[in-house]
N, C-alpha and C. Protein backbone atom coordinates (compact mmCIF):
# COMPACT_ATOMS: atom_id res chain seq x y z
N MET A 1 0.47 -0.23 -15.94
CA MET A 1 1.20 -1.48 -15.78
C MET A 1 1.40 -1.75 -14.29
N LYS A 2 1.05 -2.96 -13.86
CA LYS A 2 1.25 -3.36 -12.47
C LYS A 2 2.07 -4.64 -12.46
N PRO A 3 3.39 -4.51 -12.49
CA PRO A 3 4.23 -5.71 -12.49
C PRO A 3 4.22 -6.39 -11.12
N LYS A 4 4.39 -7.69 -11.12
CA LYS A 4 4.50 -8.44 -9.87
C LYS A 4 5.88 -8.24 -9.28
N VAL A 5 5.90 -8.08 -7.97
CA VAL A 5 7.16 -7.95 -7.23
C VAL A 5 7.28 -9.18 -6.33
N VAL A 6 8.38 -9.89 -6.44
CA VAL A 6 8.63 -11.07 -5.62
C VAL A 6 9.55 -10.66 -4.48
N VAL A 7 9.07 -10.85 -3.25
CA VAL A 7 9.81 -10.42 -2.06
C VAL A 7 10.49 -11.63 -1.42
N HIS A 8 11.76 -11.45 -1.04
CA HIS A 8 12.54 -12.50 -0.38
C HIS A 8 13.08 -11.95 0.94
N GLY A 9 13.15 -12.81 1.93
CA GLY A 9 13.79 -12.43 3.18
C GLY A 9 15.30 -12.41 3.03
N ALA A 10 15.94 -11.46 3.67
CA ALA A 10 17.41 -11.38 3.62
C ALA A 10 17.99 -12.20 4.76
N GLU A 11 19.23 -12.62 4.60
CA GLU A 11 19.89 -13.40 5.65
C GLU A 11 20.15 -12.54 6.88
N GLU A 12 20.42 -11.25 6.66
CA GLU A 12 20.66 -10.34 7.77
C GLU A 12 19.33 -9.69 8.15
N VAL A 13 19.27 -8.38 8.03
CA VAL A 13 18.06 -7.63 8.37
C VAL A 13 17.36 -7.21 7.09
N GLY A 14 16.04 -7.16 7.12
CA GLY A 14 15.28 -6.65 5.99
C GLY A 14 14.94 -7.70 4.96
N CYS A 15 14.71 -7.23 3.74
CA CYS A 15 14.34 -8.12 2.66
C CYS A 15 14.75 -7.50 1.33
N TRP A 16 14.65 -8.29 0.27
CA TRP A 16 14.97 -7.79 -1.05
C TRP A 16 13.88 -8.25 -1.99
N ALA A 17 13.76 -7.56 -3.12
CA ALA A 17 12.69 -7.87 -4.06
C ALA A 17 13.22 -7.82 -5.48
N GLU A 18 12.54 -8.58 -6.34
CA GLU A 18 12.86 -8.57 -7.76
C GLU A 18 11.56 -8.45 -8.55
N VAL A 19 11.67 -7.94 -9.76
CA VAL A 19 10.52 -7.81 -10.65
C VAL A 19 10.82 -8.69 -11.86
N PRO A 20 10.28 -9.91 -11.87
CA PRO A 20 10.64 -10.87 -12.92
C PRO A 20 10.32 -10.38 -14.34
N ALA A 21 9.31 -9.56 -14.52
CA ALA A 21 8.93 -9.10 -15.86
C ALA A 21 9.88 -8.05 -16.41
N ILE A 22 10.73 -7.47 -15.56
CA ILE A 22 11.65 -6.42 -15.99
C ILE A 22 13.07 -6.89 -15.67
N PRO A 23 13.85 -7.21 -16.71
CA PRO A 23 15.22 -7.72 -16.47
C PRO A 23 16.06 -6.73 -15.66
N VAL A 24 16.87 -7.27 -14.79
CA VAL A 24 17.81 -6.51 -13.95
C VAL A 24 17.08 -5.44 -13.15
N CYS A 25 15.95 -5.82 -12.56
CA CYS A 25 15.20 -4.87 -11.74
C CYS A 25 14.97 -5.48 -10.37
N GLY A 26 15.67 -4.93 -9.38
CA GLY A 26 15.54 -5.41 -8.02
C GLY A 26 15.97 -4.33 -7.05
N THR A 27 15.66 -4.56 -5.79
CA THR A 27 16.00 -3.59 -4.76
C THR A 27 15.97 -4.27 -3.40
N GLU A 28 16.29 -3.52 -2.36
CA GLU A 28 16.26 -4.05 -1.00
C GLU A 28 15.77 -2.97 -0.05
N GLY A 29 15.45 -3.39 1.17
CA GLY A 29 15.02 -2.43 2.19
C GLY A 29 15.08 -3.05 3.57
N ASP A 30 15.21 -2.22 4.58
CA ASP A 30 15.26 -2.70 5.95
C ASP A 30 13.86 -2.97 6.51
N THR A 31 12.85 -2.30 5.95
CA THR A 31 11.45 -2.50 6.38
C THR A 31 10.59 -2.72 5.14
N CYS A 32 9.37 -3.20 5.35
CA CYS A 32 8.44 -3.40 4.24
C CYS A 32 8.12 -2.07 3.55
N GLU A 33 7.97 -1.02 4.33
CA GLU A 33 7.65 0.29 3.78
C GLU A 33 8.80 0.80 2.90
N GLU A 34 10.02 0.63 3.39
CA GLU A 34 11.19 1.06 2.63
C GLU A 34 11.33 0.22 1.35
N LEU A 35 11.09 -1.07 1.45
CA LEU A 35 11.16 -1.95 0.28
C LEU A 35 10.13 -1.55 -0.76
N LEU A 36 8.92 -1.23 -0.34
CA LEU A 36 7.88 -0.82 -1.27
C LEU A 36 8.28 0.46 -2.01
N ALA A 37 8.75 1.45 -1.27
CA ALA A 37 9.17 2.71 -1.88
C ALA A 37 10.34 2.48 -2.84
N ASN A 38 11.29 1.67 -2.43
CA ASN A 38 12.45 1.37 -3.29
C ASN A 38 12.02 0.60 -4.54
N SER A 39 11.00 -0.25 -4.42
CA SER A 39 10.51 -1.02 -5.56
C SER A 39 9.92 -0.09 -6.62
N TYR A 40 9.12 0.89 -6.18
CA TYR A 40 8.57 1.86 -7.12
C TYR A 40 9.69 2.61 -7.84
N ASP A 41 10.69 3.03 -7.08
CA ASP A 41 11.83 3.76 -7.67
C ASP A 41 12.59 2.88 -8.66
N ALA A 42 12.78 1.61 -8.32
CA ALA A 42 13.52 0.70 -9.19
C ALA A 42 12.78 0.48 -10.51
N VAL A 43 11.47 0.27 -10.44
CA VAL A 43 10.68 0.07 -11.66
C VAL A 43 10.69 1.34 -12.50
N ASP A 44 10.44 2.49 -11.87
CA ASP A 44 10.45 3.76 -12.61
C ASP A 44 11.80 4.00 -13.28
N GLY A 45 12.86 3.77 -12.53
CA GLY A 45 14.19 3.97 -13.07
C GLY A 45 14.51 3.04 -14.22
N ARG A 46 14.16 1.79 -14.07
CA ARG A 46 14.46 0.79 -15.10
C ARG A 46 13.65 1.07 -16.36
N LEU A 47 12.38 1.44 -16.22
CA LEU A 47 11.56 1.73 -17.38
C LEU A 47 12.01 3.01 -18.09
N SER A 48 12.53 3.97 -17.35
CA SER A 48 13.00 5.20 -17.98
C SER A 48 14.28 4.95 -18.77
N ILE A 49 15.09 3.98 -18.36
CA ILE A 49 16.31 3.63 -19.09
C ILE A 49 15.95 2.95 -20.41
N ASP A 50 14.93 2.09 -20.38
CA ASP A 50 14.54 1.34 -21.56
C ASP A 50 13.75 2.18 -22.57
N ALA A 51 13.25 3.33 -22.15
CA ALA A 51 12.39 4.14 -23.03
C ALA A 51 13.17 4.86 -24.09
């Protein structure tokens, strides 16, 4: 499964992302690399809760 991640710029520093296909699944990060890693963790965590 490769869900789409929608990235938004934050008003302060960094950015935040949401995964529209998975309800209540989002994260934030100060850098793109941090956001990507946090996104993987958020999806894994959310899918493990639903399983």
